[in-house]
């Protein structure tokens, strides 16, 4: 099992203008991201590719893309370094997914 973290970018320039670089209206800001717990894969690259294919977004106002992948155990170790309330929040917000279960649901 792997955990894939994503990065989100929001284009504030697309809220009131066209948001394009060519017109000088792009104003991208880093936002948070999501953590996807990917089961039913055996390689980190497969987990990252699945999240990219299933959950990435790329438009004039919003982008979400994979930025990091780690094993389940590495994620658990990382969580031990944060306070308990934040750790609970991260675990509750994590999105469980699987390419196998995705195919079964289709």
PDB file of N, CA and C in Angstrom:
ATOM      1  N   UNK A   1       0.853  -1.168   0.000  1.00  0.00           N
ATOM      2  CA  UNK A   1       0.000   0.000   0.000  1.00  0.00           C
ATOM      3  C   UNK A   1       0.901   1.234   0.000  1.00  0.00           C
ATOM      4  N   UNK A   2       0.447   2.259  -0.735  1.00  0.00           N
ATOM      5  CA  UNK A   2       1.223   3.490  -0.881  1.00  0.00           C
ATOM      6  C   UNK A   2       0.345   4.701  -0.589  1.00  0.00           C
ATOM      7  N   UNK A   3       0.983   5.784  -0.235  1.00  0.00           N
ATOM      8  CA  UNK A   3       0.293   7.056  -0.041  1.00  0.00           C
ATOM      9  C   UNK A   3       0.875   8.047  -1.051  1.00  0.00           C
ATOM     10  N   UNK A   4      -0.012   8.627  -1.836  1.00  0.00           N
ATOM     11  CA  UNK A   4       0.382   9.628  -2.830  1.00  0.00           C
ATOM     12  C   UNK A   4      -0.155  10.973  -2.364  1.00  0.00           C
ATOM     13  N   UNK A   5       0.749  11.918  -2.223  1.00  0.00           N
ATOM     14  CA  UNK A   5       0.363  13.274  -1.855  1.00  0.00           C
ATOM     15  C   UNK A   5       0.255  14.108  -3.124  1.00  0.00           C
ATOM     16  N   UNK A   6      -0.707  15.026  -3.131  1.00  0.00           N
ATOM     17  CA  UNK A   6      -0.864  15.916  -4.276  1.00  0.00           C
ATOM     18  C   UNK A   6      -0.641  17.355  -3.849  1.00  0.00           C
ATOM     19  N   UNK A   7      -0.365  18.182  -4.830  1.00  0.00           N
ATOM     20  CA  UNK A   7      -0.244  19.630  -4.642  1.00  0.00           C
ATOM     21  C   UNK A   7      -1.380  20.284  -5.412  1.00  0.00           C
ATOM     22  N   UNK A   8      -1.993  21.282  -4.808  1.00  0.00           N
ATOM     23  CA  UNK A   8      -3.048  22.041  -5.470  1.00  0.00           C
ATOM     24  C   UNK A   8      -2.552  23.460  -5.710  1.00  0.00           C
ATOM     25  N   UNK A   9      -2.861  23.986  -6.883  1.00  0.00           N
ATOM     26  CA  UNK A   9      -2.610  25.383  -7.224  1.00  0.00           C
ATOM     27  C   UNK A   9      -3.941  26.014  -7.607  1.00  0.00           C
ATOM     28  N   UNK A  10      -4.182  27.224  -7.139  1.00  0.00           N
ATOM     29  CA  UNK A  10      -5.399  27.945  -7.500  1.00  0.00           C
ATOM     30  C   UNK A  10      -5.014  29.247  -8.178  1.00  0.00           C
ATOM     31  N   UNK A  11      -5.678  29.569  -9.267  1.00  0.00           N
ATOM     32  CA  UNK A  11      -5.414  30.790 -10.026  1.00  0.00           C
ATOM     33  C   UNK A  11      -6.418  31.859  -9.612  1.00  0.00           C
ATOM     34  N   UNK A  12      -5.982  32.747  -8.734  1.00  0.00           N
ATOM     35  CA  UNK A  12      -6.861  33.823  -8.282  1.00  0.00           C
ATOM     36  C   UNK A  12      -7.223  34.754  -9.428  1.00  0.00           C
ATOM     37  N   UNK A  13      -6.374  34.817 -10.437  1.00  0.00           N
ATOM     38  CA  UNK A  13      -6.653  35.663 -11.590  1.00  0.00           C
ATOM     39  C   UNK A  13      -7.832  35.184 -12.412  1.00  0.00           C
ATOM     40  N   UNK A  14      -8.225  33.929 -12.239  1.00  0.00           N
ATOM     41  CA  UNK A  14      -9.366  33.400 -12.991  1.00  0.00           C
ATOM     42  C   UNK A  14     -10.693  33.691 -12.296  1.00  0.00           C
ATOM     43  N   UNK A  15     -10.645  34.233 -11.084  1.00  0.00           N
ATOM     44  CA  UNK A  15     -11.890  34.544 -10.372  1.00  0.00           C
ATOM     45  C   UNK A  15     -12.572  35.787 -10.923  1.00  0.00           C
ATOM     46  N   UNK A  16     -11.769  36.791 -11.296  1.00  0.00           N
ATOM     47  CA  UNK A  16     -12.381  38.038 -11.753  1.00  0.00           C
ATOM     48  C   UNK A  16     -11.890  38.483 -13.138  1.00  0.00           C
ATOM     49  N   UNK A  17     -10.882  37.811 -13.653  1.00  0.00           N
ATOM     50  CA  UNK A  17     -10.349  38.110 -14.982  1.00  0.00           C
ATOM     51  C   UNK A  17     -10.288  36.801 -15.764  1.00  0.00           C
ATOM     52  N   UNK A  18      -9.572  36.808 -16.902  1.00  0.00           N
ATOM     53  CA  UNK A  18      -9.474  35.578 -17.689  1.00  0.00           C
ATOM     54  C   UNK A  18      -8.441  34.604 -17.137  1.00  0.00           C
ATOM     55  N   UNK A  19      -7.572  35.047 -16.230  1.00  0.00           N
ATOM     56  CA  UNK A  19      -6.606  34.165 -15.593  1.00  0.00           C
ATOM     57  C   UNK A  19      -5.441  33.740 -16.458  1.00  0.00           C
ATOM     58  N   UNK A  20      -5.284  34.337 -17.619  1.00  0.00           N
ATOM     59  CA  UNK A  20      -4.246  33.903 -18.558  1.00  0.00           C
ATOM     60  C   UNK A  20      -2.931  34.647 -18.346  1.00  0.00           C
ATOM     61  N   UNK A  21      -1.830  33.925 -18.541  1.00  0.00           N
ATOM     62  CA  UNK A  21      -0.514  34.545 -18.505  1.00  0.00           C
ATOM     63  C   UNK A  21      -0.378  35.585 -19.608  1.00  0.00           C
ATOM     64  N   UNK A  22      -0.916  35.266 -20.786  1.00  0.00           N
ATOM     65  CA  UNK A  22      -0.753  36.144 -21.953  1.00  0.00           C
ATOM     66  C   UNK A  22      -1.379  37.513 -21.744  1.00  0.00           C
ATOM     67  N   UNK A  23      -2.394  37.613 -20.900  1.00  0.00           N
ATOM     68  CA  UNK A  23      -3.024  38.907 -20.639  1.00  0.00           C
ATOM     69  C   UNK A  23      -2.552  39.516 -19.317  1.00  0.00           C
ATOM     70  N   UNK A  24      -1.620  38.841 -18.646  1.00  0.00           N
ATOM     71  CA  UNK A  24      -1.099  39.351 -17.383  1.00  0.00           C
ATOM     72  C   UNK A  24      -2.017  39.136 -16.198  1.00  0.00           C
ATOM     73  N   UNK A  25      -2.998  38.256 -16.357  1.00  0.00           N
ATOM     74  CA  UNK A  25      -3.992  38.048 -15.306  1.00  0.00           C
ATOM     75  C   UNK A  25      -3.802  36.759 -14.506  1.00  0.00           C
ATOM     76  N   UNK A  26      -2.728  36.029 -14.768  1.00  0.00           N
ATOM     77  CA  UNK A  26      -2.486  34.801 -13.999  1.00  0.00           C
ATOM     78  C   UNK A  26      -1.956  35.170 -12.617  1.00  0.00           C
ATOM     79  N   UNK A  27      -2.511  34.555 -11.594  1.00  0.00           N
ATOM     80  CA  UNK A  27      -2.048  34.776 -10.226  1.00  0.00           C
ATOM     81  C   UNK A  27      -2.218  33.464  -9.456  1.00  0.00           C
ATOM     82  N   UNK A  28      -1.278  32.554  -9.702  1.00  0.00           N
ATOM     83  CA  UNK A  28      -1.334  31.215  -9.120  1.00  0.00           C
ATOM     84  C   UNK A  28      -0.796  31.226  -7.699  1.00  0.00           C
ATOM     85  N   UNK A  29      -1.493  30.509  -6.809  1.00  0.00           N
ATOM     86  CA  UNK A  29      -1.042  30.372  -5.423  1.00  0.00           C
ATOM     87  C   UNK A  29      -1.066  28.900  -5.046  1.00  0.00           C
ATOM     88  N   UNK A  30      -0.026  28.505  -4.323  1.00  0.00           N
ATOM     89  CA  UNK A  30      -0.010  27.147  -3.789  1.00  0.00           C
ATOM     90  C   UNK A  30      -1.079  27.021  -2.713  1.00  0.00           C
ATOM     91  N   UNK A  31      -1.799  25.946  -2.749  1.00  0.00           N
ATOM     92  CA  UNK A  31      -2.779  25.601  -1.721  1.00  0.00           C
ATOM     93  C   UNK A  31      -2.312  24.307  -1.087  1.00  0.00           C
ATOM     94  N   UNK A  32      -3.161  23.666  -0.365  1.00  0.00           N
ATOM     95  CA  UNK A  32      -2.817  22.383   0.240  1.00  0.00           C
ATOM     96  C   UNK A  32      -2.762  21.294  -0.807  1.00  0.00           C
ATOM     97  N   UNK A  33      -3.217  20.159  -0.452  1.00  0.00           N
ATOM     98  CA  UNK A  33      -3.265  19.020  -1.352  1.00  0.00           C
ATOM     99  C   UNK A  33      -4.051  17.919  -0.686  1.00  0.00           C
ATOM    100  N   UNK A  34      -4.062  16.777  -1.282  1.00  0.00           N
ATOM    101  CA  UNK A  34      -4.753  15.609  -0.735  1.00  0.00           C
ATOM    102  C   UNK A  34      -3.758  14.481  -0.546  1.00  0.00           C
ATOM    103  N   UNK A  35      -4.160  13.536   0.273  1.00  0.00           N
ATOM    104  CA  UNK A  35      -3.375  12.326   0.453  1.00  0.00           C
ATOM    105  C   UNK A  35      -4.259  11.150   0.071  1.00  0.00           C
ATOM    106  N   UNK A  36      -3.800  10.376  -0.902  1.00  0.00           N
ATOM    107  CA  UNK A  36      -4.533   9.228  -1.421  1.00  0.00           C
ATOM    108  C   UNK A  36      -3.844   7.956  -0.949  1.00  0.00           C
ATOM    109  N   UNK A  37      -4.587   7.108  -0.271  1.00  0.00           N
ATOM    110  CA  UNK A  37      -4.073   5.817   0.175  1.00  0.00           C
ATOM    111  C   UNK A  37      -4.437   4.809  -0.902  1.00  0.00           C
ATOM    112  N   UNK A  38      -3.431   4.350  -1.630  1.00  0.00           N
ATOM    113  CA  UNK A  38      -3.653   3.501  -2.801  1.00  0.00           C
ATOM    114  C   UNK A  38      -3.325   2.053  -2.440  1.00  0.00           C
ATOM    115  N   UNK A  39      -4.319   1.189  -2.554  1.00  0.00           N
ATOM    116  CA  UNK A  39      -4.105  -0.242  -2.313  1.00  0.00           C
ATOM    117  C   UNK A  39      -4.141  -0.983  -3.648  1.00  0.00           C
ATOM    118  N   UNK A  40      -3.780  -2.243  -3.612  1.00  0.00           N
ATOM    119  CA  UNK A  40      -3.830  -3.142  -4.778  1.00  0.00           C
ATOM    120  C   UNK A  40      -2.808  -2.796  -5.865  1.00  0.00           C
ATOM    121  N   UNK A  41      -1.707  -2.161  -5.484  1.00  0.00           N
ATOM    122  CA  UNK A  41      -0.572  -1.957  -6.383  1.00  0.00           C
ATOM    123  C   UNK A  41       0.690  -2.372  -5.633  1.00  0.00           C
ATOM    124  N   UNK A  42       1.714  -2.755  -6.383  1.00  0.00           N
ATOM    125  CA  UNK A  42       2.942  -3.217  -5.739  1.00  0.00           C
ATOM    126  C   UNK A  42       4.126  -2.279  -5.948  1.00  0.00           C
ATOM    127  N   UNK A  43       3.933  -1.242  -6.760  1.00  0.00           N
ATOM    128  CA  UNK A  43       5.031  -0.318  -7.042  1.00  0.00           C
ATOM    129  C   UNK A  43       4.580   1.122  -6.812  1.00  0.00           C
ATOM    130  N   UNK A  44       5.495   1.913  -6.266  1.00  0.00           N
ATOM    131  CA  UNK A  44       5.201   3.323  -6.015  1.00  0.00           C
ATOM    132  C   UNK A  44       4.810   4.045  -7.304  1.00  0.00           C
ATOM    133  N   UNK A  45       5.488   3.725  -8.387  1.00  0.00           N
ATOM    134  CA  UNK A  45       5.197   4.392  -9.662  1.00  0.00           C
ATOM    135  C   UNK A  45       3.780   4.079 -10.139  1.00  0.00           C
ATOM    136  N   UNK A  46       3.297   2.867  -9.890  1.00  0.00           N
ATOM    137  CA  UNK A  46       1.921   2.527 -10.265  1.00  0.00           C
ATOM    138  C   UNK A  46       0.919   3.323  -9.432  1.00  0.00           C
ATOM    139  N   UNK A  47       1.208   3.490  -8.144  1.00  0.00           N
ATOM    140  CA  UNK A  47       0.319   4.270  -7.279  1.00  0.00           C
ATOM    141  C   UNK A  47       0.248   5.714  -7.749  1.00  0.00           C
ATOM    142  N   UNK A  48       1.409   6.288  -8.063  1.00  0.00           N
ATOM    143  CA  UNK A  48       1.436   7.680  -8.509  1.00  0.00           C
ATOM    144  C   UNK A  48       0.732   7.841  -9.851  1.00  0.00           C
ATOM    145  N   UNK A  49       0.950   6.912 -10.767  1.00  0.00           N
ATOM    146  CA  UNK A  49       0.303   6.984 -12.080  1.00  0.00           C
ATOM    147  C   UNK A  49      -1.209   6.855 -11.956  1.00  0.00           C
ATOM    148  N   UNK A  50      -1.672   5.978 -11.061  1.00  0.00           N
ATOM    149  CA  UNK A  50      -3.115   5.823 -10.863  1.00  0.00           C
ATOM    150  C   UNK A  50      -3.726   7.117 -10.333  1.00  0.00           C
ATOM    151  N   UNK A  51      -3.098   7.715  -9.332  1.00  0.00           N
ATOM    152  CA  UNK A  51      -3.629   8.963  -8.780  1.00  0.00           C
ATOM    153  C   UNK A  51      -3.614  10.061  -9.840  1.00  0.00           C
ATOM    154  N   UNK A  52      -2.549  10.133 -10.625  1.00  0.00           N
ATOM    155  CA  UNK A  52      -2.487  11.133 -11.694  1.00  0.00           C
ATOM    156  C   UNK A  52      -3.625  10.945 -12.688  1.00  0.00           C
ATOM    157  N   UNK A  53      -3.883   9.703 -13.080  1.00  0.00           N
ATOM    158  CA  UNK A  53      -4.920   9.432 -14.075  1.00  0.00           C
ATOM    159  C   UNK A  53      -6.324   9.666 -13.518  1.00  0.00           C
ATOM    160  N   UNK A  54      -6.532   9.304 -12.272  1.00  0.00           N
ATOM    161  CA  UNK A  54      -7.881   9.341 -11.692  1.00  0.00           C
ATOM    162  C   UNK A  54      -8.238  10.686 -11.069  1.00  0.00           C
ATOM    163  N   UNK A  55      -7.274  11.368 -10.475  1.00  0.00           N
ATOM    164  CA  UNK A  55      -7.617  12.526  -9.647  1.00  0.00           C
ATOM    165  C   UNK A  55      -6.984  13.846 -10.078  1.00  0.00           C
ATOM    166  N   UNK A  56      -6.070  13.843 -11.039  1.00  0.00           N
ATOM    167  CA  UNK A  56      -5.442  15.103 -11.446  1.00  0.00           C
ATOM    168  C   UNK A  56      -6.455  16.004 -12.137  1.00  0.00           C
ATOM    169  N   UNK A  57      -6.253  17.290 -11.950  1.00  0.00           N
ATOM    170  CA  UNK A  57      -7.049  18.299 -12.643  1.00  0.00           C
ATOM    171  C   UNK A  57      -6.095  19.324 -13.226  1.00  0.00           C
ATOM    172  N   UNK A  58      -6.466  19.907 -14.352  1.00  0.00           N
ATOM    173  CA  UNK A  58      -5.617  20.898 -14.982  1.00  0.00           C
ATOM    174  C   UNK A  58      -6.488  21.828 -15.816  1.00  0.00           C
ATOM    175  N   UNK A  59      -6.867  22.955 -15.218  1.00  0.00           N
ATOM    176  CA  UNK A  59      -7.646  23.937 -15.973  1.00  0.00           C
ATOM    177  C   UNK A  59      -7.168  25.339 -15.606  1.00  0.00           C
ATOM    178  N   UNK A  60      -7.816  26.341 -16.129  1.00  0.00           N
ATOM    179  CA  UNK A  60      -7.357  27.724 -15.987  1.00  0.00           C
ATOM    180  C   UNK A  60      -7.434  28.224 -14.546  1.00  0.00           C
ATOM    181  N   UNK A  61      -8.264  27.610 -13.707  1.00  0.00           N
ATOM    182  CA  UNK A  61      -8.411  28.125 -12.358  1.00  0.00           C
ATOM    183  C   UNK A  61      -7.897  27.195 -11.266  1.00  0.00           C
ATOM    184  N   UNK A  62      -7.634  25.937 -11.597  1.00  0.00           N
ATOM    185  CA  UNK A  62      -7.297  24.958 -10.562  1.00  0.00           C
ATOM    186  C   UNK A  62      -6.446  23.846 -11.148  1.00  0.00           C
ATOM    187  N   UNK A  63      -5.433  23.458 -10.404  1.00  0.00           N
ATOM    188  CA  UNK A  63      -4.601  22.328 -10.811  1.00  0.00           C
ATOM    189  C   UNK A  63      -4.360  21.454  -9.583  1.00  0.00           C
ATOM    190  N   UNK A  64      -4.435  20.147  -9.756  1.00  0.00           N
ATOM    191  CA  UNK A  64      -4.038  19.193  -8.717  1.00  0.00           C
ATOM    192  C   UNK A  64      -3.214  18.115  -9.397  1.00  0.00           C
ATOM    193  N   UNK A  65      -2.049  17.830  -8.817  1.00  0.00           N
ATOM    194  CA  UNK A  65      -1.163  16.853  -9.435  1.00  0.00           C
ATOM    195  C   UNK A  65      -0.362  16.144  -8.345  1.00  0.00           C
ATOM    196  N   UNK A  66       0.035  14.881  -8.579  1.00  0.00           N
ATOM    197  CA  UNK A  66       0.844  14.153  -7.603  1.00  0.00           C
ATOM    198  C   UNK A  66       2.193  14.835  -7.403  1.00  0.00           C
ATOM    199  N   UNK A  67       2.621  14.889  -6.149  1.00  0.00           N
ATOM    200  CA  UNK A  67       3.903  15.527  -5.852  1.00  0.00           C
ATOM    201  C   UNK A  67       4.843  14.629  -5.049  1.00  0.00           C
ATOM    202  N   UNK A  68       4.308  13.587  -4.422  1.00  0.00           N
ATOM    203  CA  UNK A  68       5.144  12.719  -3.592  1.00  0.00           C
ATOM    204  C   UNK A  68       4.447  11.372  -3.420  1.00  0.00           C
ATOM    205  N   UNK A  69       5.237  10.327  -3.319  1.00  0.00           N
ATOM    206  CA  UNK A  69       4.696   8.994  -3.043  1.00  0.00           C
ATOM    207  C   UNK A  69       5.572   8.335  -1.992  1.00  0.00           C
ATOM    208  N   UNK A  70       4.933   7.599  -1.096  1.00  0.00           N
ATOM    209  CA  UNK A  70       5.651   6.907  -0.039  1.00  0.00           C
ATOM    210  C   UNK A  70       4.903   5.636   0.332  1.00  0.00           C
ATOM    211  N   UNK A  71       5.585   4.747   1.010  1.00  0.00           N
ATOM    212  CA  UNK A  71       4.914   3.534   1.474  1.00  0.00           C
ATOM    213  C   UNK A  71       3.972   3.900   2.624  1.00  0.00           C
ATOM    214  N   UNK A  72       3.051   2.999   2.893  1.00  0.00           N
ATOM    215  CA  UNK A  72       2.132   3.169   4.022  1.00  0.00           C
ATOM    216  C   UNK A  72       2.935   3.354   5.318  1.00  0.00           C
ATOM    217  N   UNK A  73       3.961   2.531   5.505  1.00  0.00           N
ATOM    218  CA  UNK A  73       4.758   2.607   6.730  1.00  0.00           C
ATOM    219  C   UNK A  73       5.508   3.928   6.835  1.00  0.00           C
ATOM    220  N   UNK A  74       6.032   4.433   5.738  1.00  0.00           N
ATOM    221  CA  UNK A  74       6.700   5.738   5.761  1.00  0.00           C
ATOM    222  C   UNK A  74       5.722   6.840   6.159  1.00  0.00           C
ATOM    223  N   UNK A  75       4.486   6.748   5.653  1.00  0.00           N
ATOM    224  CA  UNK A  75       3.454   7.732   6.005  1.00  0.00           C
ATOM    225  C   UNK A  75       3.126   7.645   7.483  1.00  0.00           C
ATOM    226  N   UNK A  76       2.978   6.417   7.993  1.00  0.00           N
ATOM    227  CA  UNK A  76       2.704   6.238   9.417  1.00  0.00           C
ATOM    228  C   UNK A  76       3.830   6.833  10.268  1.00  0.00           C
ATOM    229  N   UNK A  77       5.063   6.616   9.870  1.00  0.00           N
ATOM    230  CA  UNK A  77       6.204   7.184  10.593  1.00  0.00           C
ATOM    231  C   UNK A  77       6.178   8.705  10.557  1.00  0.00           C
ATOM    232  N   UNK A  78       5.819   9.260   9.402  1.00  0.00           N
ATOM    233  CA  UNK A  78       5.723  10.715   9.270  1.00  0.00           C
ATOM    234  C   UNK A  78       4.645  11.267  10.188  1.00  0.00           C
ATOM    235  N   UNK A  79       3.519  10.568  10.275  1.00  0.00           N
ATOM    236  CA  UNK A  79       2.408  11.016  11.113  1.00  0.00           C
ATOM    237  C   UNK A  79       2.769  11.025  12.597  1.00  0.00           C
ATOM    238  N   UNK A  80       3.691  10.173  12.984  1.00  0.00           N
ATOM    239  CA  UNK A  80       4.090  10.126  14.389  1.00  0.00           C
ATOM    240  C   UNK A  80       4.801  11.413  14.803  1.00  0.00           C
ATOM    241  N   UNK A  81       5.271  12.178  13.839  1.00  0.00           N
ATOM    242  CA  UNK A  81       5.977  13.419  14.125  1.00  0.00           C
ATOM    243  C   UNK A  81       5.083  14.643  14.255  1.00  0.00           C
ATOM    244  N   UNK A  82       3.761  14.477  14.120  1.00  0.00           N
ATOM    245  CA  UNK A  82       2.840  15.613  14.242  1.00  0.00           C
ATOM    246  C   UNK A  82       1.945  15.414  15.457  1.00  0.00           C
ATOM    247  N   UNK A  83       1.338  16.500  15.926  1.00  0.00           N
ATOM    248  CA  UNK A  83       0.516  16.359  17.126  1.00  0.00           C
ATOM    249  C   UNK A  83      -0.726  15.512  16.839  1.00  0.00           C
ATOM    250  N   UNK A  84      -1.278  14.972  17.894  1.00  0.00           N
ATOM    251  CA  UNK A  84      -2.349  13.979  17.780  1.00  0.00           C
ATOM    252  C   UNK A  84      -3.579  14.499  17.040  1.00  0.00           C
ATOM    253  N   UNK A  85      -3.993  15.718  17.312  1.00  0.00           N
ATOM    254  CA  UNK A  85      -5.174  16.274  16.654  1.00  0.00           C
ATOM    255  C   UNK A  85      -4.983  16.399  15.150  1.00  0.00           C
ATOM    256  N   UNK A  86      -3.810  16.884  14.744  1.00  0.00           N
ATOM    257  CA  UNK A  86      -3.525  17.023  13.319  1.00  0.00           C
ATOM    258  C   UNK A  86      -3.393  15.650  12.664  1.00  0.00           C
ATOM    259  N   UNK A  87      -2.790  14.698  13.362  1.00  0.00           N
ATOM    260  CA  UNK A  87      -2.659  13.335  12.845  1.00  0.00           C
ATOM    261  C   UNK A  87      -4.040  12.732  12.583  1.00  0.00           C
ATOM    262  N   UNK A  88      -4.966  12.909  13.523  1.00  0.00           N
ATOM    263  CA  UNK A  88      -6.334  12.408  13.339  1.00  0.00           C
ATOM    264  C   UNK A  88      -7.000  13.072  12.147  1.00  0.00           C
ATOM    265  N   UNK A  89      -6.811  14.379  12.004  1.00  0.00           N
ATOM    266  CA  UNK A  89      -7.371  15.109  10.870  1.00  0.00           C
ATOM    267  C   UNK A  89      -6.851  14.548   9.546  1.00  0.00           C
ATOM    268  N   UNK A  90      -5.520  14.351   9.448  1.00  0.00           N
ATOM    269  CA  UNK A  90      -4.938  13.827   8.213  1.00  0.00           C
ATOM    270  C   UNK A  90      -5.468  12.442   7.882  1.00  0.00           C
ATOM    271  N   UNK A  91      -5.609  11.593   8.883  1.00  0.00           N
ATOM    272  CA  UNK A  91      -6.118  10.241   8.645  1.00  0.00           C
ATOM    273  C   UNK A  91      -7.581  10.269   8.195  1.00  0.00           C
ATOM    274  N   UNK A  92      -8.373  11.152   8.781  1.00  0.00           N
ATOM    275  CA  UNK A  92      -9.786  11.267   8.395  1.00  0.00           C
ATOM    276  C   UNK A  92      -9.946  11.814   6.985  1.00  0.00           C
ATOM    277  N   UNK A  93      -9.051  12.703   6.574  1.00  0.00           N
ATOM    278  CA  UNK A  93      -9.152  13.343   5.262  1.00  0.00           C
ATOM    279  C   UNK A  93      -8.540  12.519   4.133  1.00  0.00           C
ATOM    280  N   UNK A  94      -7.706  11.551   4.472  1.00  0.00           N
ATOM    281  CA  UNK A  94      -7.053  10.731   3.441  1.00  0.00           C
ATOM    282  C   UNK A  94      -8.116   9.986   2.624  1.00  0.00           C
ATOM    283  N   UNK A  95      -7.869   9.861   1.337  1.00  0.00           N
ATOM    284  CA  UNK A  95      -8.827   9.259   0.403  1.00  0.00           C
ATOM    285  C   UNK A  95      -8.323   7.875   0.015  1.00  0.00           C
ATOM    286  N   UNK A  96      -9.060   6.855   0.424  1.00  0.00           N
ATOM    287  CA  UNK A  96      -8.700   5.473   0.077  1.00  0.00           C
ATOM    288  C   UNK A  96      -9.161   5.190  -1.351  1.00  0.00           C
ATOM    289  N   UNK A  97      -8.291   4.550  -2.133  1.00  0.00           N
ATOM    290  CA  UNK A  97      -8.639   4.234  -3.517  1.00  0.00           C
ATOM    291  C   UNK A  97      -7.835   3.027  -3.995  1.00  0.00           C
ATOM    292  N   UNK A  98      -8.299   2.457  -5.090  1.00  0.00           N
ATOM    293  CA  UNK A  98      -7.657   1.269  -5.654  1.00  0.00           C
ATOM    294  C   UNK A  98      -7.991   1.167  -7.129  1.00  0.00           C
ATOM    295  N   UNK A  99      -7.002   0.895  -7.975  1.00  0.00           N
ATOM    296  CA  UNK A  99      -7.315   0.693  -9.390  1.00  0.00           C
ATOM    297  C   UNK A  99      -8.152  -0.561  -9.611  1.00  0.00           C
ATOM    298  N   UNK A 100      -7.993  -1.572  -8.776  1.00  0.00           N
ATOM    299  CA  UNK A 100      -8.782  -2.805  -8.898  1.00  0.00           C
ATOM    300  C   UNK A 100     -10.235  -2.547  -8.549  1.00  0.00           C
ATOM    301  N   UNK A 101     -10.459  -1.923  -7.416  1.00  0.00           N
ATOM    302  CA  UNK A 101     -11.839  -1.623  -6.996  1.00  0.00           C
ATOM    303  C   UNK A 101     -12.498  -0.630  -7.939  1.00  0.00           C
ATOM    304  N   UNK A 102     -11.699   0.271  -8.521  1.00  0.00           N
ATOM    305  CA  UNK A 102     -12.219   1.224  -9.503  1.00  0.00           C
ATOM    306  C   UNK A 102     -12.758   0.490 -10.727  1.00  0.00           C
ATOM    307  N   UNK A 103     -12.009  -0.517 -11.175  1.00  0.00           N
ATOM    308  CA  UNK A 103     -12.448  -1.292 -12.343  1.00  0.00           C
ATOM    309  C   UNK A 103     -13.689  -2.108 -12.019  1.00  0.00           C
ATOM    310  N   UNK A 104     -13.781  -2.650 -10.802  1.00  0.00           N
ATOM    311  CA  UNK A 104     -14.940  -3.439 -10.402  1.00  0.00           C
ATOM    312  C   UNK A 104     -16.204  -2.590 -10.329  1.00  0.00           C
ATOM    313  N   UNK A 105     -16.033  -1.322  -9.953  1.00  0.00           N
ATOM    314  CA  UNK A 105     -17.191  -0.439  -9.818  1.00  0.00           C
ATOM    315  C   UNK A 105     -17.712   0.051 -11.169  1.00  0.00           C
ATOM    316  N   UNK A 106     -16.898  -0.028 -12.183  1.00  0.00           N
ATOM    317  CA  UNK A 106     -17.289   0.495 -13.509  1.00  0.00           C
ATOM    318  C   UNK A 106     -18.287  -0.410 -14.210  1.00  0.00           C
TER     319      UNK A 106
END
